[in-house]
């Protein structure tokens, strides 16, 4: 078992799984373009732990956890919304669909095709984006304040009401 305290740029799936590599490190949100595009706190960091292993001696897998705080726009009031994410994941990297049949249901299947390596940033970004709520909003009635008394329904006149008086 090998423990590394720095995240490599590229993950060599089969090599890391065969050596049972454990990775621990941090990455700035600004280094993840797809996350930085929606997050307001791109100077903050993502803490990540990854443990690689072989499933049934042939399928590379990773168990991981990421901790981060992301600040997004609330979709109701457009104010800042701070979300603390603790993202556990278990991925099995398969080349063909028939490999996925024999994998335990607790693993998410990640199709890598013929690629033996994967960009660390891409793996982290995908998991973060999957865990962010589709419509981030506060848990309370935020910012939408309106005065009940000032809402007046306009009574609409029918355009042909004038014709009633023509007799």
Protein backbone atom coordinates (compact mmCIF):
# COMPACT_ATOMS: atom_id res chain seq x y z
CA UNK A 1 0.00 0.00 0.00
CA UNK A 2 1.37 3.35 -1.01
CA UNK A 3 0.27 6.68 0.55
CA UNK A 4 0.79 9.92 -1.34
CA UNK A 5 0.04 13.38 0.14
CA UNK A 6 -0.05 15.18 -3.17
CA UNK A 7 -2.57 14.78 -5.94
CA UNK A 8 -1.06 13.78 -9.28
CA UNK A 9 -2.24 15.46 -12.46
CA UNK A 10 -3.11 12.09 -14.03
CA UNK A 11 -4.42 8.92 -12.40
CA UNK A 12 -3.07 5.72 -13.95
CA UNK A 13 -6.06 3.56 -13.10
CA UNK A 14 -4.71 0.03 -13.26
CA UNK A 15 -1.28 0.89 -11.81
CA UNK A 16 -2.77 2.80 -8.86
CA UNK A 17 -5.32 0.04 -8.16
CA UNK A 18 -2.70 -2.73 -8.39
CA UNK A 19 -0.43 -0.88 -5.90
CA UNK A 20 -3.43 0.09 -3.71
CA UNK A 21 -2.39 3.74 -3.73
CA UNK A 22 -3.96 6.14 -1.22
CA UNK A 23 -4.00 9.80 -2.23
CA UNK A 24 -4.69 12.75 0.02
CA UNK A 25 -4.49 16.37 -1.00
CA UNK A 26 -6.14 19.67 -1.72
CA UNK A 27 -7.03 21.44 -4.92
CA UNK A 28 -8.27 25.00 -5.39
CA UNK A 29 -11.72 25.45 -6.87
CA UNK A 30 -10.17 27.89 -9.35
CA UNK A 31 -8.23 24.95 -10.88
CA UNK A 32 -11.54 23.28 -11.78
CA UNK A 33 -12.98 25.45 -14.57
CA UNK A 34 -16.46 23.89 -14.66
CA UNK A 35 -16.92 24.32 -10.88
CA UNK A 36 -15.28 27.77 -10.78
CA UNK A 37 -17.77 28.89 -13.43
CA UNK A 38 -20.67 28.57 -10.97
CA UNK A 39 -18.94 29.00 -7.59
CA UNK A 40 -18.28 32.41 -6.10
CA UNK A 41 -15.55 31.18 -3.76
CA UNK A 42 -12.97 29.98 -6.25
CA UNK A 43 -10.07 30.72 -3.86
CA UNK A 44 -11.26 28.01 -1.44
CA UNK A 45 -9.93 24.47 -1.58
CA UNK A 46 -11.36 21.01 -2.00
CA UNK A 47 -9.94 18.36 0.32
CA UNK A 48 -9.87 14.89 -1.22
CA UNK A 49 -8.99 11.36 -0.10
CA UNK A 50 -8.80 8.57 -2.68
CA UNK A 51 -8.11 4.85 -2.10
CA UNK A 52 -7.54 2.64 -5.13
CA UNK A 53 -7.99 -1.13 -5.27
CA UNK A 54 -8.77 -3.95 -7.70
CA UNK A 55 -12.25 -5.47 -7.63
CA UNK A 56 -12.08 -9.24 -8.26
CA UNK A 57 -8.43 -8.78 -9.13
CA UNK A 58 -9.12 -7.14 -12.48
CA UNK A 59 -11.34 -4.03 -12.32
CA UNK A 60 -9.71 -0.84 -10.99
CA UNK A 61 -11.86 0.92 -8.40
CA UNK A 62 -11.62 3.95 -6.16
CA UNK A 63 -13.29 4.81 -2.88
CA UNK A 64 -13.09 8.48 -2.09
CA UNK A 65 -14.41 11.38 -0.14
CA UNK A 66 -14.28 15.10 -0.87
CA UNK A 67 -14.98 17.97 1.52
CA UNK A 68 -15.61 21.47 0.30
CA UNK A 69 -17.64 24.59 0.82
CA UNK A 70 -19.15 26.10 -2.29
CA UNK A 71 -20.91 29.47 -2.54
CA UNK A 72 -23.56 29.61 -5.25
CA UNK A 73 -26.36 31.97 -6.27
CA UNK A 74 -29.68 31.15 -4.60
CA UNK A 75 -32.13 30.59 -7.43
CA UNK A 76 -34.94 32.33 -5.51
CA UNK A 77 -33.34 35.51 -4.23
CA UNK A 78 -29.98 35.53 -6.09
CA UNK A 79 -28.12 36.11 -2.80
CA UNK A 80 -25.13 34.01 -1.81
CA UNK A 81 -25.91 30.47 -0.74
CA UNK A 82 -23.20 28.57 1.11
CA UNK A 83 -23.35 24.79 0.78
CA UNK A 84 -21.06 22.44 2.69
CA UNK A 85 -20.51 19.29 0.65
CA UNK A 86 -19.18 16.02 1.99
CA UNK A 87 -19.10 13.75 -1.04
CA UNK A 88 -18.39 10.04 -0.56
CA UNK A 89 -18.14 7.98 -3.74
CA UNK A 90 -17.20 4.52 -4.96
CA UNK A 91 -16.34 4.16 -8.64
CA UNK A 92 -15.50 1.12 -10.75
CA UNK A 93 -13.65 1.91 -13.99
CA UNK A 94 -14.71 -0.39 -16.83
CA UNK A 95 -13.70 -0.56 -20.47
CA UNK A 96 -16.72 -2.53 -21.71
CA UNK A 97 -20.32 -2.84 -20.55
CA UNK A 98 -19.99 -6.58 -19.96
CA UNK A 99 -17.47 -5.82 -17.18
CA UNK A 100 -20.09 -3.77 -15.36
CA UNK A 101 -22.38 -6.79 -14.91
CA UNK A 102 -20.11 -8.43 -12.34
CA UNK A 103 -19.53 -5.26 -10.25
CA UNK A 104 -21.26 -4.82 -6.89
CA UNK A 105 -24.25 -2.41 -6.92
CA UNK A 106 -22.59 -0.14 -4.35
CA UNK A 107 -20.17 1.06 -7.05
CA UNK A 108 -21.00 3.61 -9.70
CA UNK A 109 -19.82 2.48 -13.10
CA UNK A 110 -17.42 4.85 -14.87
CA UNK A 111 -16.84 3.96 -18.53
CA UNK A 112 -13.28 4.83 -19.50
CA UNK A 113 -13.14 3.03 -22.84
CA UNK A 114 -9.59 2.22 -23.89
CA UNK A 115 -8.02 4.96 -21.77
CA UNK A 116 -5.65 3.76 -19.05
CA UNK A 117 -5.38 7.17 -17.38
CA UNK A 118 -7.79 9.81 -16.14
CA UNK A 119 -7.26 13.47 -15.26
CA UNK A 120 -7.59 13.96 -11.50
CA UNK A 121 -9.32 17.33 -11.95
CA UNK A 122 -11.92 15.78 -14.28
CA UNK A 123 -12.74 13.03 -11.81
CA UNK A 124 -13.11 15.50 -8.94
CA UNK A 125 -15.11 17.98 -11.03
CA UNK A 126 -17.59 15.33 -12.18
CA UNK A 127 -18.30 14.20 -8.61
CA UNK A 128 -18.71 17.77 -7.34
CA UNK A 129 -21.10 18.76 -10.12
CA UNK A 130 -23.18 15.63 -9.54
CA UNK A 131 -23.57 16.49 -5.85
CA UNK A 132 -24.58 20.15 -6.24
CA UNK A 133 -28.37 20.58 -6.06
CA UNK A 134 -30.07 21.13 -9.41
CA UNK A 135 -31.77 24.29 -8.12
CA UNK A 136 -29.77 25.62 -5.18
CA UNK A 137 -31.93 27.69 -2.86
CA UNK A 138 -32.21 28.61 0.80
CA UNK A 139 -34.32 26.39 3.07
CA UNK A 140 -36.44 29.36 4.10
CA UNK A 141 -38.45 32.05 2.35
CA UNK A 142 -35.52 34.16 1.35
CA UNK A 143 -35.45 37.65 -0.03
CA UNK A 144 -38.84 37.45 -1.65
CA UNK A 145 -40.71 40.03 0.36
CA UNK A 146 -43.84 41.54 -1.01
CA UNK A 147 -46.62 43.60 0.49
CA UNK A 148 -49.92 41.72 0.42
CA UNK A 149 -51.94 44.96 0.51
CA UNK A 150 -50.36 46.47 -2.59
CA UNK A 151 -51.25 43.55 -4.80
CA UNK A 152 -54.44 44.59 -6.54
CA UNK A 153 -55.97 42.56 -9.28
CA UNK A 154 -56.93 44.66 -12.21
CA UNK A 155 -60.49 44.13 -13.33
CA UNK A 156 -60.34 43.61 -17.03
CA UNK A 157 -63.14 44.89 -19.19
CA UNK A 158 -64.37 42.85 -22.02
CA UNK A 159 -63.84 44.76 -25.31
CA UNK A 160 -67.40 44.12 -26.52
CA UNK A 161 -69.10 45.51 -23.39
CA UNK A 162 -69.55 48.80 -25.22
CA UNK A 163 -71.84 47.11 -27.76
CA UNK A 164 -74.42 46.26 -25.07
CA UNK A 165 -75.41 49.93 -24.86
CA UNK A 166 -76.05 50.38 -28.62
CA UNK A 167 -79.75 49.34 -28.72
